[in-house]
Amino acid sequence: MPTVLRFRSYRFFFYSNEGSPREPPHVHVEQGGREAKFWLRPEAHLAYNDGFSARALRELVALIEGNRERIEKAWNEFFG
């Protein structure tokens, strides 16, 4: 599970086996026992949420949008 970004206590990462066929680029975020998944395009948006508040989700979307190029670059380098 490659970690692509850490911010405060959030960890942004990919699962190394993202299914077959592989899903479009996305990122998972965890903090404590919470986890969420966000699609990266056309803009960052929630795929699922397990435990984050609406406020935290808004913050996560903003963080992903601000780091989308970095996240997509890491995705492309990892999955080729």
C-alpha atoms as a PDB file:
ATOM      1  CA  MET A   1       0.000   0.000   0.000  1.00  0.00           C
ATOM      2  CA  PRO A   2       2.112   2.900  -1.223  1.00  0.00           C
ATOM      3  CA  THR A   3       1.628   6.101   0.745  1.00  0.00           C
ATOM      4  CA  VAL A   4       1.619   9.159  -1.506  1.00  0.00           C
ATOM      5  CA  LEU A   5       0.961  11.934   1.010  1.00  0.00           C
ATOM      6  CA  ARG A   6       0.730  12.550   4.732  1.00  0.00           C
ATOM      7  CA  PHE A   7      -0.953  15.610   6.146  1.00  0.00           C
ATOM      8  CA  ARG A   8      -1.468  15.980   9.875  1.00  0.00           C
ATOM      9  CA  SER A   9      -2.777  12.562  10.863  1.00  0.00           C
ATOM     10  CA  TYR A  10      -4.216  11.740   7.416  1.00  0.00           C
ATOM     11  CA  ARG A  11      -2.511   9.139   5.227  1.00  0.00           C
ATOM     12  CA  PHE A  12      -3.257   9.174   1.477  1.00  0.00           C
ATOM     13  CA  PHE A  13      -2.492   5.877  -0.234  1.00  0.00           C
ATOM     14  CA  PHE A  14      -3.319   3.292  -2.901  1.00  0.00           C
ATOM     15  CA  TYR A  15      -3.964  -0.386  -2.473  1.00  0.00           C
ATOM     16  CA  SER A  16      -1.417  -2.254  -4.555  1.00  0.00           C
ATOM     17  CA  ASN A  17      -4.094  -4.566  -5.977  1.00  0.00           C
ATOM     18  CA  GLU A  18      -6.786  -2.259  -7.316  1.00  0.00           C
ATOM     19  CA  GLY A  19      -8.811  -4.926  -9.096  1.00  0.00           C
ATOM     20  CA  SER A  20      -9.045  -6.341 -12.554  1.00  0.00           C
ATOM     21  CA  PRO A  21      -9.739  -4.453 -14.646  1.00  0.00           C
ATOM     22  CA  ARG A  22      -8.040  -1.678 -12.704  1.00  0.00           C
ATOM     23  CA  GLU A  23     -10.290   1.117 -11.510  1.00  0.00           C
ATOM     24  CA  PRO A  24      -9.712   4.698 -12.670  1.00  0.00           C
ATOM     25  CA  PRO A  25      -7.241   6.785 -10.638  1.00  0.00           C
ATOM     26  CA  HIS A  26      -8.344   7.351  -7.064  1.00  0.00           C
ATOM     27  CA  VAL A  27      -6.875   7.672  -3.594  1.00  0.00           C
ATOM     28  CA  HIS A  28      -7.754   6.222  -0.212  1.00  0.00           C
ATOM     29  CA  VAL A  29      -7.422   8.257   2.978  1.00  0.00           C
ATOM     30  CA  GLU A  30      -7.190   6.893   6.485  1.00  0.00           C
ATOM     31  CA  GLN A  31      -7.029   8.418   9.903  1.00  0.00           C
ATOM     32  CA  GLY A  32      -7.389   6.277  12.977  1.00  0.00           C
ATOM     33  CA  GLY A  33     -10.136   3.779  12.237  1.00  0.00           C
ATOM     34  CA  ARG A  34     -11.712   5.900   9.483  1.00  0.00           C
ATOM     35  CA  GLU A  35     -11.238   5.455   5.756  1.00  0.00           C
ATOM     36  CA  ALA A  36     -12.568   7.108   2.614  1.00  0.00           C
ATOM     37  CA  LYS A  37     -11.996   6.706  -1.108  1.00  0.00           C
ATOM     38  CA  PHE A  38     -11.983   9.560  -3.609  1.00  0.00           C
ATOM     39  CA  TRP A  39     -12.066   9.520  -7.403  1.00  0.00           C
ATOM     40  CA  LEU A  40      -9.622  12.048  -8.874  1.00  0.00           C
ATOM     41  CA  ARG A  41     -11.457  12.999 -12.079  1.00  0.00           C
ATOM     42  CA  PRO A  42     -13.201  14.991 -13.352  1.00  0.00           C
ATOM     43  CA  GLU A  43     -12.724  16.597  -9.944  1.00  0.00           C
ATOM     44  CA  ALA A  44     -12.029  14.993  -6.586  1.00  0.00           C
ATOM     45  CA  HIS A  45     -15.234  13.441  -5.302  1.00  0.00           C
ATOM     46  CA  LEU A  46     -16.183  10.893  -2.706  1.00  0.00           C
ATOM     47  CA  ALA A  47     -16.535   7.237  -3.688  1.00  0.00           C
ATOM     48  CA  TYR A  48     -17.178   5.947  -0.153  1.00  0.00           C
ATOM     49  CA  ASN A  49     -16.808   7.023   3.436  1.00  0.00           C
ATOM     50  CA  ASP A  50     -16.436   4.999   6.597  1.00  0.00           C
ATOM     51  CA  GLY A  51     -16.421   7.335   9.566  1.00  0.00           C
ATOM     52  CA  PHE A  52     -15.296  10.800   8.456  1.00  0.00           C
ATOM     53  CA  SER A  53     -17.469  13.810   9.288  1.00  0.00           C
ATOM     54  CA  ALA A  54     -18.825  16.079   6.558  1.00  0.00           C
ATOM     55  CA  ARG A  55     -16.338  18.745   7.644  1.00  0.00           C
ATOM     56  CA  ALA A  56     -13.386  16.343   7.383  1.00  0.00           C
ATOM     57  CA  LEU A  57     -14.574  15.194   3.938  1.00  0.00           C
ATOM     58  CA  ARG A  58     -14.634  18.795   2.696  1.00  0.00           C
ATOM     59  CA  GLU A  59     -11.090  19.264   3.997  1.00  0.00           C
ATOM     60  CA  LEU A  60      -9.979  16.039   2.311  1.00  0.00           C
ATOM     61  CA  VAL A  61     -11.459  17.052  -1.041  1.00  0.00           C
ATOM     62  CA  ALA A  62      -9.587  20.364  -0.827  1.00  0.00           C
ATOM     63  CA  LEU A  63      -6.336  18.567   0.055  1.00  0.00           C
ATOM     64  CA  ILE A  64      -6.755  16.130  -2.818  1.00  0.00           C
ATOM     65  CA  GLU A  65      -7.549  18.911  -5.296  1.00  0.00           C
ATOM     66  CA  GLY A  66      -4.468  20.817  -4.121  1.00  0.00           C
ATOM     67  CA  ASN A  67      -2.270  17.736  -4.542  1.00  0.00           C
ATOM     68  CA  ARG A  68      -3.986  16.049  -7.472  1.00  0.00           C
ATOM     69  CA  GLU A  69      -0.972  16.265  -9.819  1.00  0.00           C
ATOM     70  CA  ARG A  70       1.268  14.685  -7.193  1.00  0.00           C
ATOM     71  CA  ILE A  71      -1.273  11.931  -6.496  1.00  0.00           C
ATOM     72  CA  GLU A  72      -1.851  11.195 -10.196  1.00  0.00           C
ATOM     73  CA  LYS A  73       1.890  11.125 -10.863  1.00  0.00           C
ATOM     74  CA  ALA A  74       2.363   8.596  -8.055  1.00  0.00           C
ATOM     75  CA  TRP A  75      -0.560   6.522  -9.388  1.00  0.00           C
ATOM     76  CA  ASN A  76       0.877   6.466 -12.920  1.00  0.00           C
ATOM     77  CA  GLU A  77       4.378   5.627 -11.713  1.00  0.00           C
ATOM     78  CA  PHE A  78       3.128   2.802  -9.494  1.00  0.00           C
ATOM     79  CA  PHE A  79       0.601   1.230 -11.859  1.00  0.00           C
ATOM     80  CA  GLY A  80       2.435   2.144 -15.065  1.00  0.00           C
END
